[in-house]
Amino acid sequence: MGKLILVRHGKSLWNVKNVFTGWTDVDLAPEGMEEAKKAGELIKSNLIEIDICCSSYLKKSHPYRLDYIGNGRNDACRHQV
């Protein structure tokens, strides 16, 4: 049986300032980059292979932030808004 993994973006630069981000394309704060790295490490440590990835186009949600997508396969990710 397949698995569905949901990962929310990490803390954005505007989250740090307590400003609502919405659809504004704001980058991740350093803390958000660390959160993304930890999420990727958890997925790797549980030996979960990613076959398909869907993500927003926004910088804060972009899957390259998670160091796990497709285990090196760039074709695994498909974007959706």
PDB file of N, CA and C in Angstrom:
ATOM      1  N   MET A   1       0.840  -1.181   0.000  1.00  0.00           N
ATOM      2  CA  MET A   1       0.000   0.000   0.000  1.00  0.00           C
ATOM      3  C   MET A   1       0.881   1.240   0.000  1.00  0.00           C
ATOM      4  N   GLY A   2       0.459   2.247  -0.754  1.00  0.00           N
ATOM      5  CA  GLY A   2       1.203   3.491  -0.828  1.00  0.00           C
ATOM      6  C   GLY A   2       1.075   4.315   0.440  1.00  0.00           C
ATOM      7  N   LYS A   3       1.923   5.320   0.539  1.00  0.00           N
ATOM      8  CA  LYS A   3       1.905   6.222   1.695  1.00  0.00           C
ATOM      9  C   LYS A   3       1.704   7.645   1.202  1.00  0.00           C
ATOM     10  N   LEU A   4       0.973   8.419   1.962  1.00  0.00           N
ATOM     11  CA  LEU A   4       0.800   9.841   1.688  1.00  0.00           C
ATOM     12  C   LEU A   4       1.557  10.599   2.770  1.00  0.00           C
ATOM     13  N   ILE A   5       2.490  11.425   2.352  1.00  0.00           N
ATOM     14  CA  ILE A   5       3.291  12.206   3.298  1.00  0.00           C
ATOM     15  C   ILE A   5       2.968  13.675   3.074  1.00  0.00           C
ATOM     16  N   LEU A   6       2.533  14.344   4.109  1.00  0.00           N
ATOM     17  CA  LEU A   6       2.234  15.777   4.030  1.00  0.00           C
ATOM     18  C   LEU A   6       3.294  16.531   4.816  1.00  0.00           C
ATOM     19  N   VAL A   7       3.908  17.508   4.176  1.00  0.00           N
ATOM     20  CA  VAL A   7       4.932  18.314   4.822  1.00  0.00           C
ATOM     21  C   VAL A   7       4.586  19.769   4.587  1.00  0.00           C
ATOM     22  N   ARG A   8       4.468  20.514   5.648  1.00  0.00           N
ATOM     23  CA  ARG A   8       4.211  21.952   5.533  1.00  0.00           C
ATOM     24  C   ARG A   8       5.543  22.675   5.417  1.00  0.00           C
ATOM     25  N   HIS A   9       5.533  23.819   4.751  1.00  0.00           N
ATOM     26  CA  HIS A   9       6.769  24.590   4.636  1.00  0.00           C
ATOM     27  C   HIS A   9       7.253  25.019   6.010  1.00  0.00           C
ATOM     28  N   GLY A  10       8.532  25.291   6.104  1.00  0.00           N
ATOM     29  CA  GLY A  10       9.108  25.768   7.356  1.00  0.00           C
ATOM     30  C   GLY A  10       8.811  27.244   7.568  1.00  0.00           C
ATOM     31  N   LYS A  11       9.355  27.774   8.629  1.00  0.00           N
ATOM     32  CA  LYS A  11       9.120  29.167   8.998  1.00  0.00           C
ATOM     33  C   LYS A  11       9.675  30.103   7.925  1.00  0.00           C
ATOM     34  N   SER A  12       8.814  31.024   7.457  1.00  0.00           N
ATOM     35  CA  SER A  12       9.233  31.972   6.420  1.00  0.00           C
ATOM     36  C   SER A  12       9.774  33.253   7.059  1.00  0.00           C
ATOM     37  N   LEU A  13      10.377  34.089   6.223  1.00  0.00           N
ATOM     38  CA  LEU A  13      10.895  35.365   6.709  1.00  0.00           C
ATOM     39  C   LEU A  13       9.780  36.219   7.308  1.00  0.00           C
ATOM     40  N   TRP A  14       8.592  36.152   6.704  1.00  0.00           N
ATOM     41  CA  TRP A  14       7.472  36.943   7.229  1.00  0.00           C
ATOM     42  C   TRP A  14       6.892  36.317   8.491  1.00  0.00           C
ATOM     43  N   ASN A  15       6.956  34.998   8.641  1.00  0.00           N
ATOM     44  CA  ASN A  15       6.505  34.373   9.884  1.00  0.00           C
ATOM     45  C   ASN A  15       7.299  34.933  11.061  1.00  0.00           C
ATOM     46  N   VAL A  16       8.599  35.120  10.846  1.00  0.00           N
ATOM     47  CA  VAL A  16       9.467  35.651  11.899  1.00  0.00           C
ATOM     48  C   VAL A  16       8.980  37.029  12.339  1.00  0.00           C
ATOM     49  N   LYS A  17       8.480  37.833  11.362  1.00  0.00           N
ATOM     50  CA  LYS A  17       7.996  39.184  11.663  1.00  0.00           C
ATOM     51  C   LYS A  17       6.524  39.201  12.060  1.00  0.00           C
ATOM     52  N   ASN A  18       5.903  38.014  12.135  1.00  0.00           N
ATOM     53  CA  ASN A  18       4.495  37.877  12.475  1.00  0.00           C
ATOM     54  C   ASN A  18       3.594  38.573  11.456  1.00  0.00           C
ATOM     55  N   VAL A  19       3.970  38.451  10.169  1.00  0.00           N
ATOM     56  CA  VAL A  19       3.191  39.019   9.070  1.00  0.00           C
ATOM     57  C   VAL A  19       2.562  37.871   8.303  1.00  0.00           C
ATOM     58  N   PHE A  20       1.292  37.987   7.969  1.00  0.00           N
ATOM     59  CA  PHE A  20       0.607  36.952   7.201  1.00  0.00           C
ATOM     60  C   PHE A  20       1.203  36.880   5.801  1.00  0.00           C
ATOM     61  N   THR A  21       1.593  35.692   5.398  1.00  0.00           N
ATOM     62  CA  THR A  21       2.247  35.498   4.106  1.00  0.00           C
ATOM     63  C   THR A  21       1.251  35.265   2.995  1.00  0.00           C
ATOM     64  N   GLY A  22       0.281  34.366   3.213  1.00  0.00           N
ATOM     65  CA  GLY A  22      -0.678  34.049   2.168  1.00  0.00           C
ATOM     66  C   GLY A  22       0.019  33.535   0.924  1.00  0.00           C
ATOM     67  N   TRP A  23      -0.316  34.126  -0.236  1.00  0.00           N
ATOM     68  CA  TRP A  23       0.266  33.693  -1.507  1.00  0.00           C
ATOM     69  C   TRP A  23       1.485  34.517  -1.911  1.00  0.00           C
ATOM     70  N   THR A  24       1.928  35.420  -1.029  1.00  0.00           N
ATOM     71  CA  THR A  24       3.121  36.202  -1.330  1.00  0.00           C
ATOM     72  C   THR A  24       4.331  35.275  -1.348  1.00  0.00           C
ATOM     73  N   ASP A  25       5.181  35.438  -2.345  1.00  0.00           N
ATOM     74  CA  ASP A  25       6.309  34.528  -2.527  1.00  0.00           C
ATOM     75  C   ASP A  25       7.489  34.950  -1.655  1.00  0.00           C
ATOM     76  N   VAL A  26       7.446  34.547  -0.407  1.00  0.00           N
ATOM     77  CA  VAL A  26       8.461  34.894   0.590  1.00  0.00           C
ATOM     78  C   VAL A  26       9.352  33.676   0.818  1.00  0.00           C
ATOM     79  N   ASP A  27      10.637  33.917   0.970  1.00  0.00           N
ATOM     80  CA  ASP A  27      11.580  32.819   1.187  1.00  0.00           C
ATOM     81  C   ASP A  27      11.532  32.337   2.638  1.00  0.00           C
ATOM     82  N   LEU A  28      12.164  31.206   2.860  1.00  0.00           N
ATOM     83  CA  LEU A  28      12.245  30.666   4.210  1.00  0.00           C
ATOM     84  C   LEU A  28      13.281  31.421   5.037  1.00  0.00           C
ATOM     85  N   ALA A  29      13.016  31.513   6.329  1.00  0.00           N
ATOM     86  CA  ALA A  29      13.993  32.038   7.276  1.00  0.00           C
ATOM     87  C   ALA A  29      15.026  30.938   7.533  1.00  0.00           C
ATOM     88  N   PRO A  30      16.168  31.275   8.087  1.00  0.00           N
ATOM     89  CA  PRO A  30      17.162  30.239   8.400  1.00  0.00           C
ATOM     90  C   PRO A  30      16.565  29.090   9.232  1.00  0.00           C
ATOM     91  N   GLU A  31      15.703  29.428  10.184  1.00  0.00           N
ATOM     92  CA  GLU A  31      15.047  28.391  10.992  1.00  0.00           C
ATOM     93  C   GLU A  31      14.172  27.486  10.117  1.00  0.00           C
ATOM     94  N   GLY A  32      13.508  28.071   9.128  1.00  0.00           N
ATOM     95  CA  GLY A  32      12.682  27.291   8.212  1.00  0.00           C
ATOM     96  C   GLY A  32      13.510  26.354   7.352  1.00  0.00           C
ATOM     97  N   MET A  33      14.704  26.795   6.959  1.00  0.00           N
ATOM     98  CA  MET A  33      15.603  25.917   6.202  1.00  0.00           C
ATOM     99  C   MET A  33      16.025  24.724   7.058  1.00  0.00           C
ATOM    100  N   GLU A  34      16.284  24.964   8.330  1.00  0.00           N
ATOM    101  CA  GLU A  34      16.642  23.869   9.247  1.00  0.00           C
ATOM    102  C   GLU A  34      15.470  22.907   9.419  1.00  0.00           C
ATOM    103  N   GLU A  35      14.253  23.456   9.524  1.00  0.00           N
ATOM    104  CA  GLU A  35      13.063  22.608   9.651  1.00  0.00           C
ATOM    105  C   GLU A  35      12.895  21.721   8.417  1.00  0.00           C
ATOM    106  N   ALA A  36      13.131  22.291   7.238  1.00  0.00           N
ATOM    107  CA  ALA A  36      13.024  21.517   6.004  1.00  0.00           C
ATOM    108  C   ALA A  36      14.080  20.416   5.969  1.00  0.00           C
ATOM    109  N   LYS A  37      15.280  20.753   6.391  1.00  0.00           N
ATOM    110  CA  LYS A  37      16.355  19.759   6.427  1.00  0.00           C
ATOM    111  C   LYS A  37      15.997  18.609   7.365  1.00  0.00           C
ATOM    112  N   LYS A  38      15.455  18.934   8.540  1.00  0.00           N
ATOM    113  CA  LYS A  38      15.061  17.898   9.499  1.00  0.00           C
ATOM    114  C   LYS A  38      13.942  17.020   8.952  1.00  0.00           C
ATOM    115  N   ALA A  39      12.997  17.634   8.243  1.00  0.00           N
ATOM    116  CA  ALA A  39      11.906  16.843   7.645  1.00  0.00           C
ATOM    117  C   ALA A  39      12.478  15.846   6.640  1.00  0.00           C
ATOM    118  N   GLY A  40      13.407  16.309   5.818  1.00  0.00           N
ATOM    119  CA  GLY A  40      14.046  15.426   4.854  1.00  0.00           C
ATOM    120  C   GLY A  40      14.806  14.300   5.529  1.00  0.00           C
ATOM    121  N   GLU A  41      15.511  14.624   6.604  1.00  0.00           N
ATOM    122  CA  GLU A  41      16.266  13.604   7.334  1.00  0.00           C
ATOM    123  C   GLU A  41      15.339  12.554   7.936  1.00  0.00           C
ATOM    124  N   LEU A  42      14.199  12.986   8.450  1.00  0.00           N
ATOM    125  CA  LEU A  42      13.230  12.029   9.007  1.00  0.00           C
ATOM    126  C   LEU A  42      12.705  11.078   7.941  1.00  0.00           C
ATOM    127  N   ILE A  43      12.420  11.625   6.779  1.00  0.00           N
ATOM    128  CA  ILE A  43      11.913  10.781   5.689  1.00  0.00           C
ATOM    129  C   ILE A  43      12.992   9.794   5.258  1.00  0.00           C
ATOM    130  N   LYS A  44      14.229  10.263   5.126  1.00  0.00           N
ATOM    131  CA  LYS A  44      15.331   9.374   4.750  1.00  0.00           C
ATOM    132  C   LYS A  44      15.570   8.303   5.803  1.00  0.00           C
ATOM    133  N   SER A  45      15.570   8.703   7.080  1.00  0.00           N
ATOM    134  CA  SER A  45      15.880   7.745   8.141  1.00  0.00           C
ATOM    135  C   SER A  45      14.813   6.661   8.271  1.00  0.00           C
ATOM    136  N   ASN A  46      13.611   6.935   7.783  1.00  0.00           N
ATOM    137  CA  ASN A  46      12.542   5.940   7.800  1.00  0.00           C
ATOM    138  C   ASN A  46      12.472   5.161   6.488  1.00  0.00           C
ATOM    139  N   LEU A  47      13.507   5.355   5.638  1.00  0.00           N
ATOM    140  CA  LEU A  47      13.639   4.622   4.376  1.00  0.00           C
ATOM    141  C   LEU A  47      12.404   4.741   3.494  1.00  0.00           C
ATOM    142  N   ILE A  48      11.823   5.939   3.465  1.00  0.00           N
ATOM    143  CA  ILE A  48      10.642   6.183   2.637  1.00  0.00           C
ATOM    144  C   ILE A  48      11.103   6.713   1.288  1.00  0.00           C
ATOM    145  N   GLU A  49      10.765   6.008   0.225  1.00  0.00           N
ATOM    146  CA  GLU A  49      11.105   6.458  -1.120  1.00  0.00           C
ATOM    147  C   GLU A  49       9.975   7.318  -1.654  1.00  0.00           C
ATOM    148  N   ILE A  50      10.341   8.432  -2.277  1.00  0.00           N
ATOM    149  CA  ILE A  50       9.368   9.353  -2.842  1.00  0.00           C
ATOM    150  C   ILE A  50       9.233   9.051  -4.329  1.00  0.00           C
ATOM    151  N   ASP A  51       8.042   8.670  -4.757  1.00  0.00           N
ATOM    152  CA  ASP A  51       7.784   8.413  -6.171  1.00  0.00           C
ATOM    153  C   ASP A  51       7.247   9.652  -6.866  1.00  0.00           C
ATOM    154  N   ILE A  52       6.351  10.357  -6.196  1.00  0.00           N
ATOM    155  CA  ILE A  52       5.735  11.553  -6.768  1.00  0.00           C
ATOM    156  C   ILE A  52       5.657  12.610  -5.675  1.00  0.00           C
ATOM    157  N   CYS A  53       5.946  13.834  -6.047  1.00  0.00           N
ATOM    158  CA  CYS A  53       5.888  14.963  -5.117  1.00  0.00           C
ATOM    159  C   CYS A  53       5.076  16.068  -5.771  1.00  0.00           C
ATOM    160  N   CYS A  54       4.141  16.630  -5.056  1.00  0.00           N
ATOM    161  CA  CYS A  54       3.374  17.780  -5.546  1.00  0.00           C
ATOM    162  C   CYS A  54       3.621  18.937  -4.590  1.00  0.00           C
ATOM    163  N   SER A  55       3.838  20.112  -5.146  1.00  0.00           N
ATOM    164  CA  SER A  55       4.205  21.255  -4.329  1.00  0.00           C
ATOM    165  C   SER A  55       3.688  22.541  -4.951  1.00  0.00           C
ATOM    166  N   SER A  56       3.590  23.567  -4.136  1.00  0.00           N
ATOM    167  CA  SER A  56       3.301  24.903  -4.617  1.00  0.00           C
ATOM    168  C   SER A  56       4.517  25.444  -5.357  1.00  0.00           C
ATOM    169  N   TYR A  57       4.321  26.460  -6.176  1.00  0.00           N
ATOM    170  CA  TYR A  57       5.438  27.131  -6.837  1.00  0.00           C
ATOM    171  C   TYR A  57       6.153  28.109  -5.907  1.00  0.00           C
ATOM    172  N   LEU A  58       5.556  28.418  -4.777  1.00  0.00           N
ATOM    173  CA  LEU A  58       6.136  29.413  -3.882  1.00  0.00           C
ATOM    174  C   LEU A  58       7.468  28.934  -3.312  1.00  0.00           C
ATOM    175  N   LYS A  59       8.404  29.876  -3.139  1.00  0.00           N
ATOM    176  CA  LYS A  59       9.744  29.543  -2.642  1.00  0.00           C
ATOM    177  C   LYS A  59       9.694  28.791  -1.317  1.00  0.00           C
ATOM    178  N   LYS A  60       8.811  29.223  -0.417  1.00  0.00           N
ATOM    179  CA  LYS A  60       8.769  28.615   0.910  1.00  0.00           C
ATOM    180  C   LYS A  60       8.327  27.162   0.874  1.00  0.00           C
ATOM    181  N   SER A  61       7.659  26.765  -0.201  1.00  0.00           N
ATOM    182  CA  SER A  61       7.138  25.409  -0.292  1.00  0.00           C
ATOM    183  C   SER A  61       7.891  24.544  -1.292  1.00  0.00           C
ATOM    184  N   HIS A  62       8.823  25.132  -2.003  1.00  0.00           N
ATOM    185  CA  HIS A  62       9.471  24.400  -3.078  1.00  0.00           C
ATOM    186  C   HIS A  62      10.196  23.162  -2.539  1.00  0.00           C
ATOM    187  N   PRO A  63      10.015  22.021  -3.183  1.00  0.00           N
ATOM    188  CA  PRO A  63      10.558  20.762  -2.662  1.00  0.00           C
ATOM    189  C   PRO A  63      12.070  20.670  -2.617  1.00  0.00           C
ATOM    190  N   TYR A  64      12.797  21.524  -3.353  1.00  0.00           N
ATOM    191  CA  TYR A  64      14.252  21.427  -3.229  1.00  0.00           C
ATOM    192  C   TYR A  64      14.684  21.798  -1.814  1.00  0.00           C
ATOM    193  N   ARG A  65      13.780  22.433  -1.073  1.00  0.00           N
ATOM    194  CA  ARG A  65      14.071  22.767   0.323  1.00  0.00           C
ATOM    195  C   ARG A  65      14.196  21.511   1.172  1.00  0.00           C
ATOM    196  N   LEU A  66      13.505  20.469   0.774  1.00  0.00           N
ATOM    197  CA  LEU A  66      13.562  19.220   1.521  1.00  0.00           C
ATOM    198  C   LEU A  66      14.599  18.334   0.849  1.00  0.00           C
ATOM    199  N   ASP A  67      15.601  18.016   1.573  1.00  0.00           N
ATOM    200  CA  ASP A  67      16.717  17.267   1.005  1.00  0.00           C
ATOM    201  C   ASP A  67      16.372  15.782   0.921  1.00  0.00           C
ATOM    202  N   TYR A  68      15.293  15.483   0.208  1.00  0.00           N
ATOM    203  CA  TYR A  68      14.908  14.077   0.089  1.00  0.00           C
ATOM    204  C   TYR A  68      14.182  13.757  -1.199  1.00  0.00           C
ATOM    205  N   ILE A  69      13.659  14.735  -1.887  1.00  0.00           N
ATOM    206  CA  ILE A  69      12.741  14.476  -2.990  1.00  0.00           C
ATOM    207  C   ILE A  69      13.326  13.517  -4.008  1.00  0.00           C
ATOM    208  N   GLY A  70      12.642  12.407  -4.198  1.00  0.00           N
ATOM    209  CA  GLY A  70      13.014  11.450  -5.224  1.00  0.00           C
ATOM    210  C   GLY A  70      14.352  10.792  -4.996  1.00  0.00           C
ATOM    211  N   ASN A  71      14.933  10.986  -3.826  1.00  0.00           N
ATOM    212  CA  ASN A  71      16.245  10.398  -3.544  1.00  0.00           C
ATOM    213  C   ASN A  71      17.210  10.633  -4.704  1.00  0.00           C
ATOM    214  N   GLY A  72      17.282  11.879  -5.129  1.00  0.00           N
ATOM    215  CA  GLY A  72      18.187  12.248  -6.202  1.00  0.00           C
ATOM    216  C   GLY A  72      17.551  12.256  -7.578  1.00  0.00           C
ATOM    217  N   ARG A  73      16.294  11.867  -7.673  1.00  0.00           N
ATOM    218  CA  ARG A  73      15.594  11.854  -8.961  1.00  0.00           C
ATOM    219  C   ARG A  73      14.833  13.159  -9.119  1.00  0.00           C
ATOM    220  N   ASN A  74      15.260  13.996 -10.033  1.00  0.00           N
ATOM    221  CA  ASN A  74      14.588  15.273 -10.249  1.00  0.00           C
ATOM    222  C   ASN A  74      13.195  15.101 -10.878  1.00  0.00           C
ATOM    223  N   ASP A  75      12.936  13.963 -11.501  1.00  0.00           N
ATOM    224  CA  ASP A  75      11.650  13.766 -12.175  1.00  0.00           C
ATOM    225  C   ASP A  75      10.527  13.426 -11.206  1.00  0.00           C
ATOM    226  N   ALA A  76      10.838  13.257  -9.932  1.00  0.00           N
ATOM    227  CA  ALA A  76       9.822  12.855  -8.963  1.00  0.00           C
ATOM    228  C   ALA A  76       8.856  13.986  -8.620  1.00  0.00           C
ATOM    229  N   CYS A  77       9.288  15.221  -8.797  1.00  0.00           N
ATOM    230  CA  CYS A  77       8.469  16.334  -8.331  1.00  0.00           C
ATOM    231  C   CYS A  77       7.647  16.967  -9.440  1.00  0.00           C
ATOM    232  N   ARG A  78       6.373  17.142  -9.141  1.00  0.00           N
ATOM    233  CA  ARG A  78       5.443  17.860 -10.009  1.00  0.00           C
ATOM    234  C   ARG A  78       4.849  18.994  -9.184  1.00  0.00           C
ATOM    235  N   HIS A  79       4.749  20.155  -9.769  1.00  0.00           N
ATOM    236  CA  HIS A  79       4.247  21.302  -9.032  1.00  0.00           C
ATOM    237  C   HIS A  79       2.761  21.508  -9.274  1.00  0.00           C
ATOM    238  N   GLN A  80       2.084  21.956  -8.248  1.00  0.00           N
ATOM    239  CA  GLN A  80       0.699  22.370  -8.352  1.00  0.00           C
ATOM    240  C   GLN A  80       0.506  23.587  -7.490  1.00  0.00           C
ATOM    241  N   VAL A  81      -0.396  24.456  -7.895  1.00  0.00           N
ATOM    242  CA  VAL A  81      -0.698  25.630  -7.081  1.00  0.00           C
ATOM    243  C   VAL A  81      -2.046  25.439  -6.460  1.00  0.00           C
TER     244      VAL A  81
END
